[in-house]
């Protein structure tokens, strides 16, 4: 994986992590002082986001994680909203990777 690809992957990973922590947040921890509250699950969620054929695949994965791992009631509206954002961010990053790489290099070099 080249440097530009790594930078784009890192940016995509952070963007998805932000959605998980601040938008999806099924444990309602956004206002707490807990840092990295979902970090241990981010590699799995990130891989799901990359592998998802569509939003509904990711909705199902997020719902199962919240229900089976954390014992939370399923909130389909919240899961669907977060999955929509994650898929939109993923698709934007993948579609614009060649354009974003030079911009990220300029920004990181400043």
PDB file of N, CA and C in Angstrom:
ATOM      1  N   UNK A   1       0.844  -1.175   0.000  1.00  0.00           N
ATOM      2  CA  UNK A   1       0.000   0.000   0.000  1.00  0.00           C
ATOM      3  C   UNK A   1       0.888   1.236   0.000  1.00  0.00           C
ATOM      4  N   UNK A   2       0.707   2.128  -0.967  1.00  0.00           N
ATOM      5  CA  UNK A   2       1.535   3.314  -1.070  1.00  0.00           C
ATOM      6  C   UNK A   2       1.170   4.358  -0.035  1.00  0.00           C
ATOM      7  N   UNK A   3       2.026   5.375   0.057  1.00  0.00           N
ATOM      8  CA  UNK A   3       1.830   6.432   1.035  1.00  0.00           C
ATOM      9  C   UNK A   3       0.486   7.129   0.852  1.00  0.00           C
ATOM     10  N   UNK A   4       0.138   7.474  -0.413  1.00  0.00           N
ATOM     11  CA  UNK A   4      -1.126   8.155  -0.667  1.00  0.00           C
ATOM     12  C   UNK A   4      -2.315   7.298  -0.262  1.00  0.00           C
ATOM     13  N   UNK A   5      -2.250   6.010  -0.562  1.00  0.00           N
ATOM     14  CA  UNK A   5      -3.329   5.104  -0.200  1.00  0.00           C
ATOM     15  C   UNK A   5      -3.462   5.015   1.315  1.00  0.00           C
ATOM     16  N   UNK A   6      -2.326   4.957   2.003  1.00  0.00           N
ATOM     17  CA  UNK A   6      -2.352   4.913   3.471  1.00  0.00           C
ATOM     18  C   UNK A   6      -2.970   6.183   4.036  1.00  0.00           C
ATOM     19  N   UNK A   7      -2.614   7.333   3.472  1.00  0.00           N
ATOM     20  CA  UNK A   7      -3.190   8.584   3.954  1.00  0.00           C
ATOM     21  C   UNK A   7      -4.693   8.597   3.745  1.00  0.00           C
ATOM     22  N   UNK A   8      -5.145   8.173   2.575  1.00  0.00           N
ATOM     23  CA  UNK A   8      -6.577   8.142   2.308  1.00  0.00           C
ATOM     24  C   UNK A   8      -7.279   7.148   3.215  1.00  0.00           C
ATOM     25  N   UNK A   9      -6.663   5.985   3.450  1.00  0.00           N
ATOM     26  CA  UNK A   9      -7.250   4.985   4.339  1.00  0.00           C
ATOM     27  C   UNK A   9      -7.352   5.532   5.748  1.00  0.00           C
ATOM     28  N   UNK A  10      -6.315   6.218   6.201  1.00  0.00           N
ATOM     29  CA  UNK A  10      -6.319   6.791   7.535  1.00  0.00           C
ATOM     30  C   UNK A  10      -7.403   7.859   7.663  1.00  0.00           C
ATOM     31  N   UNK A  11      -7.550   8.686   6.651  1.00  0.00           N
ATOM     32  CA  UNK A  11      -8.587   9.715   6.659  1.00  0.00           C
ATOM     33  C   UNK A  11      -9.970   9.082   6.649  1.00  0.00           C
ATOM     34  N   UNK A  12     -10.159   8.073   5.833  1.00  0.00           N
ATOM     35  CA  UNK A  12     -11.434   7.370   5.769  1.00  0.00           C
ATOM     36  C   UNK A  12     -11.735   6.703   7.105  1.00  0.00           C
ATOM     37  N   UNK A  13     -10.734   6.046   7.689  1.00  0.00           N
ATOM     38  CA  UNK A  13     -10.904   5.381   8.985  1.00  0.00           C
ATOM     39  C   UNK A  13     -11.341   6.396  10.048  1.00  0.00           C
ATOM     40  N   UNK A  14     -10.655   7.540  10.100  1.00  0.00           N
ATOM     41  CA  UNK A  14     -10.995   8.575  11.095  1.00  0.00           C
ATOM     42  C   UNK A  14     -12.396   9.131  10.847  1.00  0.00           C
ATOM     43  N   UNK A  15     -12.757   9.299   9.584  1.00  0.00           N
ATOM     44  CA  UNK A  15     -14.090   9.820   9.265  1.00  0.00           C
ATOM     45  C   UNK A  15     -15.179   8.853   9.716  1.00  0.00           C
ATOM     46  N   UNK A  16     -14.971   7.572   9.463  1.00  0.00           N
ATOM     47  CA  UNK A  16     -15.939   6.563   9.895  1.00  0.00           C
ATOM     48  C   UNK A  16     -15.981   6.494  11.419  1.00  0.00           C
ATOM     49  N   UNK A  17     -14.836   6.578  12.053  1.00  0.00           N
ATOM     50  CA  UNK A  17     -14.773   6.569  13.515  1.00  0.00           C
ATOM     51  C   UNK A  17     -15.555   7.750  14.103  1.00  0.00           C
ATOM     52  N   UNK A  18     -15.453   8.907  13.469  1.00  0.00           N
ATOM     53  CA  UNK A  18     -16.208  10.078  13.931  1.00  0.00           C
ATOM     54  C   UNK A  18     -17.709   9.838  13.843  1.00  0.00           C
ATOM     55  N   UNK A  19     -18.161   9.226  12.771  1.00  0.00           N
ATOM     56  CA  UNK A  19     -19.592   8.927  12.635  1.00  0.00           C
ATOM     57  C   UNK A  19     -20.028   7.947  13.720  1.00  0.00           C
ATOM     58  N   UNK A  20     -19.228   6.909  13.940  1.00  0.00           N
ATOM     59  CA  UNK A  20     -19.572   5.909  14.957  1.00  0.00           C
ATOM     60  C   UNK A  20     -19.665   6.562  16.335  1.00  0.00           C
ATOM     61  N   UNK A  21     -18.687   7.379  16.682  1.00  0.00           N
ATOM     62  CA  UNK A  21     -18.638   7.981  18.013  1.00  0.00           C
ATOM     63  C   UNK A  21     -19.629   9.111  18.223  1.00  0.00           C
ATOM     64  N   UNK A  22     -19.859   9.896  17.194  1.00  0.00           N
ATOM     65  CA  UNK A  22     -20.650  11.111  17.382  1.00  0.00           C
ATOM     66  C   UNK A  22     -22.053  11.067  16.795  1.00  0.00           C
ATOM     67  N   UNK A  23     -22.293  10.164  15.841  1.00  0.00           N
ATOM     68  CA  UNK A  23     -23.613  10.093  15.224  1.00  0.00           C
ATOM     69  C   UNK A  23     -24.352   8.813  15.595  1.00  0.00           C
ATOM     70  N   UNK A  24     -23.682   7.679  15.422  1.00  0.00           N
ATOM     71  CA  UNK A  24     -24.336   6.405  15.739  1.00  0.00           C
ATOM     72  C   UNK A  24     -24.445   6.265  17.245  1.00  0.00           C
ATOM     73  N   UNK A  25     -23.342   6.205  17.948  1.00  0.00           N
ATOM     74  CA  UNK A  25     -23.248   6.230  19.414  1.00  0.00           C
ATOM     75  C   UNK A  25     -24.384   5.488  20.130  1.00  0.00           C
ATOM     76  N   UNK A  26     -24.523   4.190  19.909  1.00  0.00           N
ATOM     77  CA  UNK A  26     -25.647   3.461  20.499  1.00  0.00           C
ATOM     78  C   UNK A  26     -25.609   3.394  22.032  1.00  0.00           C
ATOM     79  N   UNK A  27     -24.424   3.581  22.616  1.00  0.00           N
ATOM     80  CA  UNK A  27     -24.319   3.557  24.076  1.00  0.00           C
ATOM     81  C   UNK A  27     -24.522   4.938  24.685  1.00  0.00           C
ATOM     82  N   UNK A  28     -24.811   5.933  23.819  1.00  0.00           N
ATOM     83  CA  UNK A  28     -25.075   7.303  24.262  1.00  0.00           C
ATOM     84  C   UNK A  28     -23.932   7.846  25.127  1.00  0.00           C
ATOM     85  N   UNK A  29     -22.722   7.749  24.599  1.00  0.00           N
ATOM     86  CA  UNK A  29     -21.538   8.184  25.330  1.00  0.00           C
ATOM     87  C   UNK A  29     -20.935   9.478  24.788  1.00  0.00           C
ATOM     88  N   UNK A  30     -21.548  10.084  23.786  1.00  0.00           N
ATOM     89  CA  UNK A  30     -20.964  11.265  23.151  1.00  0.00           C
ATOM     90  C   UNK A  30     -20.717  12.397  24.137  1.00  0.00           C
ATOM     91  N   UNK A  31     -21.560  12.532  25.117  1.00  0.00           N
ATOM     92  CA  UNK A  31     -21.416  13.618  26.093  1.00  0.00           C
ATOM     93  C   UNK A  31     -20.542  13.237  27.288  1.00  0.00           C
ATOM     94  N   UNK A  32     -20.108  11.985  27.357  1.00  0.00           N
ATOM     95  CA  UNK A  32     -19.309  11.548  28.507  1.00  0.00           C
ATOM     96  C   UNK A  32     -17.841  11.871  28.290  1.00  0.00           C
ATOM     97  N   UNK A  33     -17.063  11.706  29.316  1.00  0.00           N
ATOM     98  CA  UNK A  33     -15.621  11.944  29.254  1.00  0.00           C
ATOM     99  C   UNK A  33     -14.872  10.721  28.745  1.00  0.00           C
ATOM    100  N   UNK A  34     -15.588   9.682  28.389  1.00  0.00           N
ATOM    101  CA  UNK A  34     -14.969   8.453  27.910  1.00  0.00           C
ATOM    102  C   UNK A  34     -14.308   8.714  26.565  1.00  0.00           C
ATOM    103  N   UNK A  35     -13.008   8.426  26.482  1.00  0.00           N
ATOM    104  CA  UNK A  35     -12.307   8.595  25.217  1.00  0.00           C
ATOM    105  C   UNK A  35     -12.171   7.245  24.541  1.00  0.00           C
ATOM    106  N   UNK A  36     -12.132   7.264  23.224  1.00  0.00           N
ATOM    107  CA  UNK A  36     -11.985   6.034  22.441  1.00  0.00           C
ATOM    108  C   UNK A  36     -13.027   4.983  22.820  1.00  0.00           C
ATOM    109  N   UNK A  37     -14.233   5.403  23.058  1.00  0.00           N
ATOM    110  CA  UNK A  37     -15.270   4.508  23.559  1.00  0.00           C
ATOM    111  C   UNK A  37     -15.606   3.348  22.621  1.00  0.00           C
ATOM    112  N   UNK A  38     -15.417   3.548  21.327  1.00  0.00           N
ATOM    113  CA  UNK A  38     -15.705   2.494  20.368  1.00  0.00           C
ATOM    114  C   UNK A  38     -14.453   2.021  19.644  1.00  0.00           C
ATOM    115  N   UNK A  39     -13.302   2.496  20.063  1.00  0.00           N
ATOM    116  CA  UNK A  39     -12.067   2.256  19.317  1.00  0.00           C
ATOM    117  C   UNK A  39     -11.758   0.779  19.104  1.00  0.00           C
ATOM    118  N   UNK A  40     -11.993  -0.055  20.082  1.00  0.00           N
ATOM    119  CA  UNK A  40     -11.668  -1.478  19.912  1.00  0.00           C
ATOM    120  C   UNK A  40     -12.542  -2.153  18.861  1.00  0.00           C
ATOM    121  N   UNK A  41     -13.690  -1.553  18.539  1.00  0.00           N
ATOM    122  CA  UNK A  41     -14.588  -2.120  17.536  1.00  0.00           C
ATOM    123  C   UNK A  41     -14.388  -1.495  16.151  1.00  0.00           C
ATOM    124  N   UNK A  42     -13.607  -0.423  16.081  1.00  0.00           N
ATOM    125  CA  UNK A  42     -13.450   0.295  14.818  1.00  0.00           C
ATOM    126  C   UNK A  42     -12.830  -0.533  13.692  1.00  0.00           C
ATOM    127  N   UNK A  43     -11.835  -1.375  13.932  1.00  0.00           N
ATOM    128  CA  UNK A  43     -11.321  -2.178  12.814  1.00  0.00           C
ATOM    129  C   UNK A  43     -12.411  -3.052  12.171  1.00  0.00           C
ATOM    130  N   UNK A  44     -13.272  -3.613  12.981  1.00  0.00           N
ATOM    131  CA  UNK A  44     -14.359  -4.452  12.468  1.00  0.00           C
ATOM    132  C   UNK A  44     -15.376  -3.597  11.715  1.00  0.00           C
ATOM    133  N   UNK A  45     -15.783  -2.487  12.303  1.00  0.00           N
ATOM    134  CA  UNK A  45     -16.756  -1.607  11.659  1.00  0.00           C
ATOM    135  C   UNK A  45     -16.187  -1.055  10.354  1.00  0.00           C
ATOM    136  N   UNK A  46     -14.914  -0.684  10.361  1.00  0.00           N
ATOM    137  CA  UNK A  46     -14.255  -0.174   9.156  1.00  0.00           C
ATOM    138  C   UNK A  46     -14.275  -1.233   8.050  1.00  0.00           C
ATOM    139  N   UNK A  47     -13.933  -2.453   8.393  1.00  0.00           N
ATOM    140  CA  UNK A  47     -13.956  -3.536   7.396  1.00  0.00           C
ATOM    141  C   UNK A  47     -15.364  -3.800   6.894  1.00  0.00           C
ATOM    142  N   UNK A  48     -16.354  -3.741   7.776  1.00  0.00           N
ATOM    143  CA  UNK A  48     -17.741  -3.879   7.339  1.00  0.00           C
ATOM    144  C   UNK A  48     -18.102  -2.781   6.348  1.00  0.00           C
ATOM    145  N   UNK A  49     -17.681  -1.559   6.656  1.00  0.00           N
ATOM    146  CA  UNK A  49     -17.988  -0.427   5.780  1.00  0.00           C
ATOM    147  C   UNK A  49     -17.371  -0.622   4.401  1.00  0.00           C
ATOM    148  N   UNK A  50     -16.153  -1.116   4.353  1.00  0.00           N
ATOM    149  CA  UNK A  50     -15.496  -1.335   3.066  1.00  0.00           C
ATOM    150  C   UNK A  50     -16.148  -2.474   2.289  1.00  0.00           C
ATOM    151  N   UNK A  51     -16.587  -3.499   3.002  1.00  0.00           N
ATOM    152  CA  UNK A  51     -17.134  -4.698   2.351  1.00  0.00           C
ATOM    153  C   UNK A  51     -18.621  -4.588   2.015  1.00  0.00           C
ATOM    154  N   UNK A  52     -19.322  -3.649   2.630  1.00  0.00           N
ATOM    155  CA  UNK A  52     -20.774  -3.551   2.441  1.00  0.00           C
ATOM    156  C   UNK A  52     -21.121  -3.289   0.985  1.00  0.00           C
ATOM    157  N   UNK A  53     -22.048  -4.070   0.469  1.00  0.00           N
ATOM    158  CA  UNK A  53     -22.544  -3.845  -0.889  1.00  0.00           C
ATOM    159  C   UNK A  53     -23.451  -2.624  -0.949  1.00  0.00           C
ATOM    160  N   UNK A  54     -24.146  -2.379   0.152  1.00  0.00           N
ATOM    161  CA  UNK A  54     -25.044  -1.238   0.222  1.00  0.00           C
ATOM    162  C   UNK A  54     -25.285  -0.883   1.682  1.00  0.00           C
ATOM    163  N   UNK A  55     -26.067   0.140   1.889  1.00  0.00           N
ATOM    164  CA  UNK A  55     -26.361   0.644   3.226  1.00  0.00           C
ATOM    165  C   UNK A  55     -26.998  -0.424   4.119  1.00  0.00           C
ATOM    166  N   UNK A  56     -27.889  -1.224   3.555  1.00  0.00           N
ATOM    167  CA  UNK A  56     -28.609  -2.213   4.355  1.00  0.00           C
ATOM    168  C   UNK A  56     -27.675  -3.282   4.941  1.00  0.00           C
ATOM    169  N   UNK A  57     -26.614  -3.636   4.208  1.00  0.00           N
ATOM    170  CA  UNK A  57     -25.629  -4.575   4.762  1.00  0.00           C
ATOM    171  C   UNK A  57     -25.020  -4.012   6.039  1.00  0.00           C
ATOM    172  N   UNK A  58     -24.662  -2.742   5.995  1.00  0.00           N
ATOM    173  CA  UNK A  58     -24.039  -2.112   7.158  1.00  0.00           C
ATOM    174  C   UNK A  58     -25.035  -1.908   8.294  1.00  0.00           C
ATOM    175  N   UNK A  59     -26.274  -1.582   7.958  1.00  0.00           N
ATOM    176  CA  UNK A  59     -27.325  -1.447   8.986  1.00  0.00           C
ATOM    177  C   UNK A  59     -27.430  -2.750   9.773  1.00  0.00           C
ATOM    178  N   UNK A  60     -27.461  -3.854   9.065  1.00  0.00           N
ATOM    179  CA  UNK A  60     -27.575  -5.167   9.712  1.00  0.00           C
ATOM    180  C   UNK A  60     -26.382  -5.434  10.628  1.00  0.00           C
ATOM    181  N   UNK A  61     -25.181  -5.126  10.153  1.00  0.00           N
ATOM    182  CA  UNK A  61     -23.976  -5.351  10.963  1.00  0.00           C
ATOM    183  C   UNK A  61     -23.975  -4.480  12.213  1.00  0.00           C
ATOM    184  N   UNK A  62     -24.308  -3.200  12.057  1.00  0.00           N
ATOM    185  CA  UNK A  62     -24.330  -2.295  13.218  1.00  0.00           C
ATOM    186  C   UNK A  62     -25.388  -2.728  14.228  1.00  0.00           C
ATOM    187  N   UNK A  63     -26.549  -3.114  13.734  1.00  0.00           N
ATOM    188  CA  UNK A  63     -27.623  -3.568  14.625  1.00  0.00           C
ATOM    189  C   UNK A  63     -27.212  -4.802  15.414  1.00  0.00           C
ATOM    190  N   UNK A  64     -26.587  -5.753  14.726  1.00  0.00           N
ATOM    191  CA  UNK A  64     -26.135  -6.970  15.401  1.00  0.00           C
ATOM    192  C   UNK A  64     -25.070  -6.667  16.446  1.00  0.00           C
ATOM    193  N   UNK A  65     -24.163  -5.758  16.139  1.00  0.00           N
ATOM    194  CA  UNK A  65     -23.126  -5.390  17.098  1.00  0.00           C
ATOM    195  C   UNK A  65     -23.747  -4.794  18.355  1.00  0.00           C
ATOM    196  N   UNK A  66     -24.637  -3.830  18.185  1.00  0.00           N
ATOM    197  CA  UNK A  66     -25.267  -3.184  19.336  1.00  0.00           C
ATOM    198  C   UNK A  66     -26.093  -4.170  20.154  1.00  0.00           C
ATOM    199  N   UNK A  67     -26.810  -5.030  19.478  1.00  0.00           N
ATOM    200  CA  UNK A  67     -27.693  -5.976  20.154  1.00  0.00           C
ATOM    201  C   UNK A  67     -26.924  -7.135  20.777  1.00  0.00           C
ATOM    202  N   UNK A  68     -26.087  -7.793  19.988  1.00  0.00           N
ATOM    203  CA  UNK A  68     -25.406  -9.005  20.460  1.00  0.00           C
ATOM    204  C   UNK A  68     -24.199  -8.720  21.347  1.00  0.00           C
ATOM    205  N   UNK A  69     -23.443  -7.683  21.041  1.00  0.00           N
ATOM    206  CA  UNK A  69     -22.227  -7.399  21.798  1.00  0.00           C
ATOM    207  C   UNK A  69     -22.507  -6.582  23.049  1.00  0.00           C
ATOM    208  N   UNK A  70     -23.392  -5.600  22.923  1.00  0.00           N
ATOM    209  CA  UNK A  70     -23.634  -4.696  24.038  1.00  0.00           C
ATOM    210  C   UNK A  70     -24.989  -4.893  24.701  1.00  0.00           C
ATOM    211  N   UNK A  71     -25.819  -5.773  24.166  1.00  0.00           N
ATOM    212  CA  UNK A  71     -27.118  -6.053  24.774  1.00  0.00           C
ATOM    213  C   UNK A  71     -28.091  -4.893  24.701  1.00  0.00           C
ATOM    214  N   UNK A  72     -27.943  -4.057  23.680  1.00  0.00           N
ATOM    215  CA  UNK A  72     -28.806  -2.889  23.536  1.00  0.00           C
ATOM    216  C   UNK A  72     -29.995  -3.200  22.631  1.00  0.00           C
ATOM    217  N   UNK A  73     -31.071  -2.506  22.851  1.00  0.00           N
ATOM    218  CA  UNK A  73     -32.219  -2.633  21.961  1.00  0.00           C
ATOM    219  C   UNK A  73     -31.845  -2.057  20.598  1.00  0.00           C
ATOM    220  N   UNK A  74     -32.342  -2.662  19.558  1.00  0.00           N
ATOM    221  CA  UNK A  74     -32.047  -2.207  18.210  1.00  0.00           C
ATOM    222  C   UNK A  74     -32.778  -0.899  17.932  1.00  0.00           C
ATOM    223  N   UNK A  75     -32.032   0.061  17.388  1.00  0.00           N
ATOM    224  CA  UNK A  75     -32.612   1.336  16.978  1.00  0.00           C
ATOM    225  C   UNK A  75     -32.383   1.448  15.477  1.00  0.00           C
ATOM    226  N   UNK A  76     -33.311   0.899  14.689  1.00  0.00           N
ATOM    227  CA  UNK A  76     -33.163   0.840  13.242  1.00  0.00           C
ATOM    228  C   UNK A  76     -32.987   2.218  12.606  1.00  0.00           C
ATOM    229  N   UNK A  77     -33.684   3.206  13.122  1.00  0.00           N
ATOM    230  CA  UNK A  77     -33.558   4.556  12.566  1.00  0.00           C
ATOM    231  C   UNK A  77     -32.119   5.065  12.748  1.00  0.00           C
ATOM    232  N   UNK A  78     -31.585   4.933  13.929  1.00  0.00           N
ATOM    233  CA  UNK A  78     -30.225   5.389  14.215  1.00  0.00           C
ATOM    234  C   UNK A  78     -29.191   4.572  13.433  1.00  0.00           C
ATOM    235  N   UNK A  79     -29.382   3.264  13.384  1.00  0.00           N
ATOM    236  CA  UNK A  79     -28.463   2.400  12.629  1.00  0.00           C
ATOM    237  C   UNK A  79     -28.481   2.761  11.144  1.00  0.00           C
ATOM    238  N   UNK A  80     -29.648   3.006  10.605  1.00  0.00           N
ATOM    239  CA  UNK A  80     -29.795   3.335   9.188  1.00  0.00           C
ATOM    240  C   UNK A  80     -29.179   4.707   8.878  1.00  0.00           C
ATOM    241  N   UNK A  81     -29.392   5.658   9.758  1.00  0.00           N
ATOM    242  CA  UNK A  81     -28.822   7.000   9.574  1.00  0.00           C
ATOM    243  C   UNK A  81     -27.295   6.941   9.582  1.00  0.00           C
ATOM    244  N   UNK A  82     -26.725   6.215  10.542  1.00  0.00           N
ATOM    245  CA  UNK A  82     -25.269   6.088  10.629  1.00  0.00           C
ATOM    246  C   UNK A  82     -24.713   5.340   9.429  1.00  0.00           C
ATOM    247  N   UNK A  83     -25.367   4.268   9.036  1.00  0.00           N
ATOM    248  CA  UNK A  83     -24.915   3.492   7.877  1.00  0.00           C
ATOM    249  C   UNK A  83     -24.955   4.352   6.612  1.00  0.00           C
ATOM    250  N   UNK A  84     -25.988   5.157   6.467  1.00  0.00           N
ATOM    251  CA  UNK A  84     -26.092   6.054   5.316  1.00  0.00           C
ATOM    252  C   UNK A  84     -24.898   7.011   5.280  1.00  0.00           C
ATOM    253  N   UNK A  85     -24.569   7.610   6.413  1.00  0.00           N
ATOM    254  CA  UNK A  85     -23.431   8.531   6.478  1.00  0.00           C
ATOM    255  C   UNK A  85     -22.116   7.820   6.171  1.00  0.00           C
ATOM    256  N   UNK A  86     -21.929   6.655   6.767  1.00  0.00           N
ATOM    257  CA  UNK A  86     -20.682   5.906   6.574  1.00  0.00           C
ATOM    258  C   UNK A  86     -20.512   5.504   5.114  1.00  0.00           C
ATOM    259  N   UNK A  87     -21.563   4.999   4.500  1.00  0.00           N
ATOM    260  CA  UNK A  87     -21.477   4.588   3.097  1.00  0.00           C
ATOM    261  C   UNK A  87     -21.239   5.803   2.202  1.00  0.00           C
ATOM    262  N   UNK A  88     -21.882   6.912   2.493  1.00  0.00           N
ATOM    263  CA  UNK A  88     -21.666   8.134   1.702  1.00  0.00           C
ATOM    264  C   UNK A  88     -20.221   8.609   1.821  1.00  0.00           C
ATOM    265  N   UNK A  89     -19.672   8.576   3.024  1.00  0.00           N
ATOM    266  CA  UNK A  89     -18.275   8.971   3.238  1.00  0.00           C
ATOM    267  C   UNK A  89     -17.340   8.008   2.524  1.00  0.00           C
ATOM    268  N   UNK A  90     -17.609   6.707   2.663  1.00  0.00           N
ATOM    269  CA  UNK A  90     -16.781   5.697   1.983  1.00  0.00           C
ATOM    270  C   UNK A  90     -16.783   5.921   0.479  1.00  0.00           C
ATOM    271  N   UNK A  91     -17.957   6.064  -0.087  1.00  0.00           N
ATOM    272  CA  UNK A  91     -18.061   6.224  -1.530  1.00  0.00           C
ATOM    273  C   UNK A  91     -17.384   7.510  -1.998  1.00  0.00           C
ATOM    274  N   UNK A  92     -17.530   8.577  -1.234  1.00  0.00           N
ATOM    275  CA  UNK A  92     -16.863   9.834  -1.584  1.00  0.00           C
ATOM    276  C   UNK A  92     -15.349   9.659  -1.576  1.00  0.00           C
ATOM    277  N   UNK A  93     -14.828   9.050  -0.519  1.00  0.00           N
ATOM    278  CA  UNK A  93     -13.382   8.844  -0.424  1.00  0.00           C
ATOM    279  C   UNK A  93     -12.862   7.953  -1.545  1.00  0.00           C
ATOM    280  N   UNK A  94     -13.562   6.871  -1.819  1.00  0.00           N
ATOM    281  CA  UNK A  94     -13.101   5.955  -2.860  1.00  0.00           C
ATOM    282  C   UNK A  94     -13.192   6.585  -4.248  1.00  0.00           C
ATOM    283  N   UNK A  95     -14.245   7.337  -4.500  1.00  0.00           N
ATOM    284  CA  UNK A  95     -14.428   7.977  -5.799  1.00  0.00           C
ATOM    285  C   UNK A  95     -13.413   9.097  -6.020  1.00  0.00           C
ATOM    286  N   UNK A  96     -13.039   9.782  -4.954  1.00  0.00           N
ATOM    287  CA  UNK A  96     -12.178  10.955  -5.066  1.00  0.00           C
ATOM    288  C   UNK A  96     -10.766  10.733  -4.540  1.00  0.00           C
ATOM    289  N   UNK A  97     -10.347   9.484  -4.387  1.00  0.00           N
ATOM    290  CA  UNK A  97      -9.031   9.180  -3.820  1.00  0.00           C
ATOM    291  C   UNK A  97      -7.897   9.858  -4.588  1.00  0.00           C
ATOM    292  N   UNK A  98      -7.937   9.823  -5.892  1.00  0.00           N
ATOM    293  CA  UNK A  98      -6.865  10.426  -6.692  1.00  0.00           C
ATOM    294  C   UNK A  98      -6.835  11.939  -6.512  1.00  0.00           C
ATOM    295  N   UNK A  99      -7.986  12.551  -6.352  1.00  0.00           N
ATOM    296  CA  UNK A  99      -8.064  13.993  -6.150  1.00  0.00           C
ATOM    297  C   UNK A  99      -7.660  14.384  -4.726  1.00  0.00           C
ATOM    298  N   UNK A 100      -8.058  13.585  -3.741  1.00  0.00           N
ATOM    299  CA  UNK A 100      -7.806  13.918  -2.346  1.00  0.00           C
ATOM    300  C   UNK A 100      -6.334  13.756  -1.946  1.00  0.00           C
ATOM    301  N   UNK A 101      -5.624  12.816  -2.534  1.00  0.00           N
ATOM    302  CA  UNK A 101      -4.244  12.548  -2.148  1.00  0.00           C
ATOM    303  C   UNK A 101      -3.340  13.777  -2.228  1.00  0.00           C
ATOM    304  N   UNK A 102      -3.321  14.508  -3.350  1.00  0.00           N
ATOM    305  CA  UNK A 102      -2.470  15.702  -3.405  1.00  0.00           C
ATOM    306  C   UNK A 102      -2.912  16.769  -2.399  1.00  0.00           C
ATOM    307  N   UNK A 103      -4.203  16.912  -2.175  1.00  0.00           N
ATOM    308  CA  UNK A 103      -4.678  17.880  -1.210  1.00  0.00           C
ATOM    309  C   UNK A 103      -4.247  17.511   0.201  1.00  0.00           C
ATOM    310  N   UNK A 104      -4.320  16.231   0.541  1.00  0.00           N
ATOM    311  CA  UNK A 104      -3.892  15.790   1.866  1.00  0.00           C
ATOM    312  C   UNK A 104      -2.397  16.015   2.038  1.00  0.00           C
ATOM    313  N   UNK A 105      -1.612  15.753   1.011  1.00  0.00           N
ATOM    314  CA  UNK A 105      -0.164  15.961   1.088  1.00  0.00           C
ATOM    315  C   UNK A 105       0.149  17.427   1.335  1.00  0.00           C
ATOM    316  N   UNK A 106      -0.552  18.319   0.640  1.00  0.00           N
ATOM    317  CA  UNK A 106      -0.343  19.755   0.836  1.00  0.00           C
ATOM    318  C   UNK A 106      -0.743  20.169   2.250  1.00  0.00           C
ATOM    319  N   UNK A 107      -1.878  19.674   2.716  1.00  0.00           N
ATOM    320  CA  UNK A 107      -2.365  20.024   4.043  1.00  0.00           C
ATOM    321  C   UNK A 107      -1.423  19.495   5.123  1.00  0.00           C
ATOM    322  N   UNK A 108      -0.964  18.263   4.971  1.00  0.00           N
ATOM    323  CA  UNK A 108      -0.080  17.661   5.969  1.00  0.00           C
ATOM    324  C   UNK A 108       1.292  18.308   5.956  1.00  0.00           C
ATOM    325  N   UNK A 109       1.721  18.827   4.813  1.00  0.00           N
ATOM    326  CA  UNK A 109       3.030  19.453   4.714  1.00  0.00           C
ATOM    327  C   UNK A 109       3.049  20.872   5.263  1.00  0.00           C
ATOM    328  N   UNK A 110       1.898  21.473   5.464  1.00  0.00           N
ATOM    329  CA  UNK A 110       1.825  22.871   5.916  1.00  0.00           C
ATOM    330  C   UNK A 110       2.150  23.021   7.372  1.00  0.00           C
TER     331      UNK A 110
END
